[in-house]
Amino acid sequence: MPTLKFMGQLFEHLGFAVLGEWATTGEYHGQFKEFSLKGRLGNIGGRPSEDDLRRVAQQVRGALQA
């Protein structure tokens, strides 16, 4: 979440209007790939999934229509 806040502040500073924030689970790559297999969320390999991306797209459309 701190990264989203930082990015939002940067975009606002650059003149973009930030309408919302959406975080989704994503797998780790490279030397940290093994962390995708265990942890409090379980196996997050292959995330974000098509369903994750579809959910974010719906949230973005909702924010744009508001």
N, C-alpha and C. Protein backbone atom coordinates (compact mmCIF):
# COMPACT_ATOMS: atom_id res chain seq x y z
N MET A 1 0.80 -1.20 0.00
CA MET A 1 0.00 0.00 0.00
C MET A 1 0.85 1.27 0.00
N PRO A 2 1.97 1.30 0.72
CA PRO A 2 2.79 2.52 0.65
C PRO A 2 3.24 2.85 -0.77
N THR A 3 3.50 1.82 -1.57
CA THR A 3 3.91 2.08 -2.96
C THR A 3 2.79 2.75 -3.74
N LEU A 4 1.54 2.30 -3.52
CA LEU A 4 0.41 2.95 -4.21
C LEU A 4 0.30 4.41 -3.82
N LYS A 5 0.47 4.70 -2.54
CA LYS A 5 0.39 6.08 -2.07
C LYS A 5 1.49 6.93 -2.70
N PHE A 6 2.72 6.38 -2.75
CA PHE A 6 3.84 7.10 -3.34
C PHE A 6 3.57 7.38 -4.82
N MET A 7 3.11 6.35 -5.54
CA MET A 7 2.83 6.53 -6.97
C MET A 7 1.73 7.57 -7.18
N GLY A 8 0.70 7.52 -6.33
CA GLY A 8 -0.38 8.49 -6.44
C GLY A 8 0.11 9.91 -6.25
N GLN A 9 0.98 10.11 -5.26
CA GLN A 9 1.53 11.45 -5.02
C GLN A 9 2.37 11.90 -6.21
N LEU A 10 3.16 10.99 -6.77
CA LEU A 10 3.98 11.33 -7.93
C LEU A 10 3.10 11.73 -9.11
N PHE A 11 2.08 10.93 -9.41
CA PHE A 11 1.21 11.24 -10.54
C PHE A 11 0.48 12.56 -10.33
N GLU A 12 0.00 12.81 -9.12
CA GLU A 12 -0.67 14.09 -8.84
C GLU A 12 0.31 15.25 -9.03
N HIS A 13 1.55 15.07 -8.58
CA HIS A 13 2.58 16.09 -8.74
C HIS A 13 2.82 16.39 -10.22
N LEU A 14 2.75 15.34 -11.04
CA LEU A 14 2.98 15.51 -12.48
C LEU A 14 1.75 16.03 -13.21
N GLY A 15 0.63 16.22 -12.49
CA GLY A 15 -0.55 16.81 -13.10
C GLY A 15 -1.66 15.84 -13.45
N PHE A 16 -1.51 14.57 -13.09
CA PHE A 16 -2.55 13.58 -13.36
C PHE A 16 -3.53 13.53 -12.20
N ALA A 17 -4.81 13.39 -12.49
CA ALA A 17 -5.81 13.21 -11.45
C ALA A 17 -5.89 11.72 -11.12
N VAL A 18 -5.67 11.38 -9.87
CA VAL A 18 -5.75 9.98 -9.43
C VAL A 18 -7.16 9.74 -8.93
N LEU A 19 -7.90 8.86 -9.63
CA LEU A 19 -9.30 8.60 -9.32
C LEU A 19 -9.48 7.47 -8.31
N GLY A 20 -8.49 6.60 -8.18
CA GLY A 20 -8.60 5.48 -7.26
C GLY A 20 -7.32 4.68 -7.24
N GLU A 21 -7.29 3.73 -6.33
CA GLU A 21 -6.14 2.84 -6.19
C GLU A 21 -6.66 1.42 -6.15
N TRP A 22 -6.00 0.54 -6.88
CA TRP A 22 -6.37 -0.87 -6.88
C TRP A 22 -5.11 -1.71 -6.75
N ALA A 23 -5.08 -2.52 -5.74
CA ALA A 23 -3.96 -3.43 -5.53
C ALA A 23 -4.44 -4.85 -5.82
N THR A 24 -3.58 -5.63 -6.44
CA THR A 24 -3.90 -7.03 -6.70
C THR A 24 -2.66 -7.86 -6.42
N THR A 25 -2.87 -9.11 -6.11
CA THR A 25 -1.77 -10.02 -5.79
C THR A 25 -1.01 -10.36 -7.06
N GLY A 26 0.30 -10.39 -6.98
CA GLY A 26 1.13 -10.78 -8.11
C GLY A 26 2.26 -11.68 -7.66
N GLU A 27 2.61 -12.65 -8.52
CA GLU A 27 3.68 -13.58 -8.18
C GLU A 27 5.04 -12.90 -8.22
N TYR A 28 5.98 -13.50 -7.53
CA TYR A 28 7.36 -13.02 -7.51
C TYR A 28 8.13 -13.66 -8.65
N HIS A 29 9.15 -12.96 -9.13
CA HIS A 29 9.97 -13.46 -10.23
C HIS A 29 11.44 -13.46 -9.82
N GLY A 30 12.26 -14.06 -10.65
CA GLY A 30 13.70 -14.06 -10.42
C GLY A 30 14.09 -14.81 -9.16
N GLN A 31 15.02 -14.24 -8.43
CA GLN A 31 15.55 -14.92 -7.25
C GLN A 31 14.52 -15.06 -6.13
N PHE A 32 13.41 -14.35 -6.22
CA PHE A 32 12.37 -14.41 -5.19
C PHE A 32 11.20 -15.32 -5.58
N LYS A 33 11.28 -15.99 -6.74
CA LYS A 33 10.18 -16.80 -7.26
C LYS A 33 9.67 -17.81 -6.24
N GLU A 34 10.56 -18.40 -5.44
CA GLU A 34 10.15 -19.41 -4.45
C GLU A 34 9.18 -18.83 -3.42
N PHE A 35 9.21 -17.52 -3.21
CA PHE A 35 8.29 -16.89 -2.26
C PHE A 35 6.84 -16.93 -2.76
N SER A 36 6.65 -17.19 -4.06
CA SER A 36 5.30 -17.29 -4.61
C SER A 36 4.60 -18.58 -4.18
N LEU A 37 5.37 -19.54 -3.69
CA LEU A 37 4.80 -20.85 -3.38
C LEU A 37 4.28 -20.99 -1.97
N LYS A 38 4.73 -20.13 -1.08
CA LYS A 38 4.29 -20.26 0.31
C LYS A 38 4.17 -18.87 0.92
N GLY A 39 3.41 -18.78 1.93
CA GLY A 39 3.17 -17.51 2.60
C GLY A 39 1.71 -17.44 3.04
N ARG A 40 1.33 -16.34 3.61
CA ARG A 40 -0.03 -16.25 4.16
C ARG A 40 -1.12 -16.31 3.11
N LEU A 41 -0.80 -16.02 1.84
CA LEU A 41 -1.79 -16.10 0.76
C LEU A 41 -1.75 -17.43 0.03
N GLY A 42 -0.88 -18.34 0.45
CA GLY A 42 -0.74 -19.62 -0.24
C GLY A 42 0.05 -19.47 -1.53
N ASN A 43 -0.18 -20.34 -2.48
CA ASN A 43 0.52 -20.32 -3.76
C ASN A 43 -0.06 -19.22 -4.63
N ILE A 44 0.75 -18.19 -4.92
CA ILE A 44 0.28 -17.07 -5.74
C ILE A 44 0.90 -17.09 -7.13
N GLY A 45 1.46 -18.26 -7.51
CA GLY A 45 2.00 -18.40 -8.87
C GLY A 45 0.91 -18.15 -9.89
N GLY A 46 1.25 -17.48 -10.97
CA GLY A 46 0.29 -17.19 -12.03
C GLY A 46 -0.61 -16.00 -11.76
N ARG A 47 -0.35 -15.28 -10.68
CA ARG A 47 -1.16 -14.10 -10.36
C ARG A 47 -0.43 -12.85 -10.83
N PRO A 48 -1.09 -11.82 -11.25
CA PRO A 48 -2.53 -11.69 -11.27
C PRO A 48 -3.14 -12.59 -12.36
N SER A 49 -4.27 -13.17 -12.03
CA SER A 49 -4.98 -14.06 -12.95
C SER A 49 -5.88 -13.22 -13.85
N GLU A 50 -6.48 -13.88 -14.82
CA GLU A 50 -7.44 -13.19 -15.69
C GLU A 50 -8.58 -12.62 -14.86
N ASP A 51 -9.02 -13.37 -13.84
CA ASP A 51 -10.10 -12.88 -12.98
C ASP A 51 -9.66 -11.64 -12.20
N ASP A 52 -8.41 -11.64 -11.70
CA ASP A 52 -7.89 -10.47 -10.99
C ASP A 52 -7.92 -9.24 -11.90
N LEU A 53 -7.45 -9.40 -13.13
CA LEU A 53 -7.39 -8.29 -14.07
C LEU A 53 -8.78 -7.83 -14.49
N ARG A 54 -9.71 -8.77 -14.63
CA ARG A 54 -11.09 -8.43 -14.97
C ARG A 54 -11.72 -7.60 -13.84
N ARG A 55 -11.44 -7.99 -12.59
CA ARG A 55 -11.99 -7.26 -11.44
C ARG A 55 -11.46 -5.83 -11.41
N VAL A 56 -10.17 -5.65 -11.65
CA VAL A 56 -9.60 -4.30 -11.66
C VAL A 56 -10.18 -3.48 -12.80
N ALA A 57 -10.35 -4.10 -13.97
CA ALA A 57 -10.93 -3.39 -15.11
C ALA A 57 -12.35 -2.91 -14.79
N GLN A 58 -13.13 -3.73 -14.10
CA GLN A 58 -14.49 -3.32 -13.72
C GLN A 58 -14.44 -2.15 -12.74
N GLN A 59 -13.50 -2.18 -11.81
CA GLN A 59 -13.37 -1.09 -10.84
C GLN A 59 -12.97 0.20 -11.54
N VAL A 60 -12.08 0.11 -12.51
CA VAL A 60 -11.65 1.30 -13.24
C VAL A 60 -12.82 1.88 -14.03
N ARG A 61 -13.57 1.01 -14.73
CA ARG A 61 -14.75 1.49 -15.47
C ARG A 61 -15.74 2.18 -14.54
N GLY A 62 -15.94 1.61 -13.36
CA GLY A 62 -16.85 2.22 -12.39
C GLY A 62 -16.38 3.59 -11.97
N ALA A 63 -15.07 3.75 -11.73
CA ALA A 63 -14.53 5.04 -11.32
C ALA A 63 -14.66 6.07 -12.44
N LEU A 64 -14.48 5.64 -13.67
CA LEU A 64 -14.56 6.57 -14.81
C LEU A 64 -16.00 7.01 -15.06
N GLN A 65 -16.97 6.18 -14.72
CA GLN A 65 -18.38 6.52 -14.93
C GLN A 65 -18.92 7.41 -13.81
N ALA A 66 -18.24 7.44 -12.68
CA ALA A 66 -18.72 8.22 -11.52
C ALA A 66 -18.59 9.71 -11.75
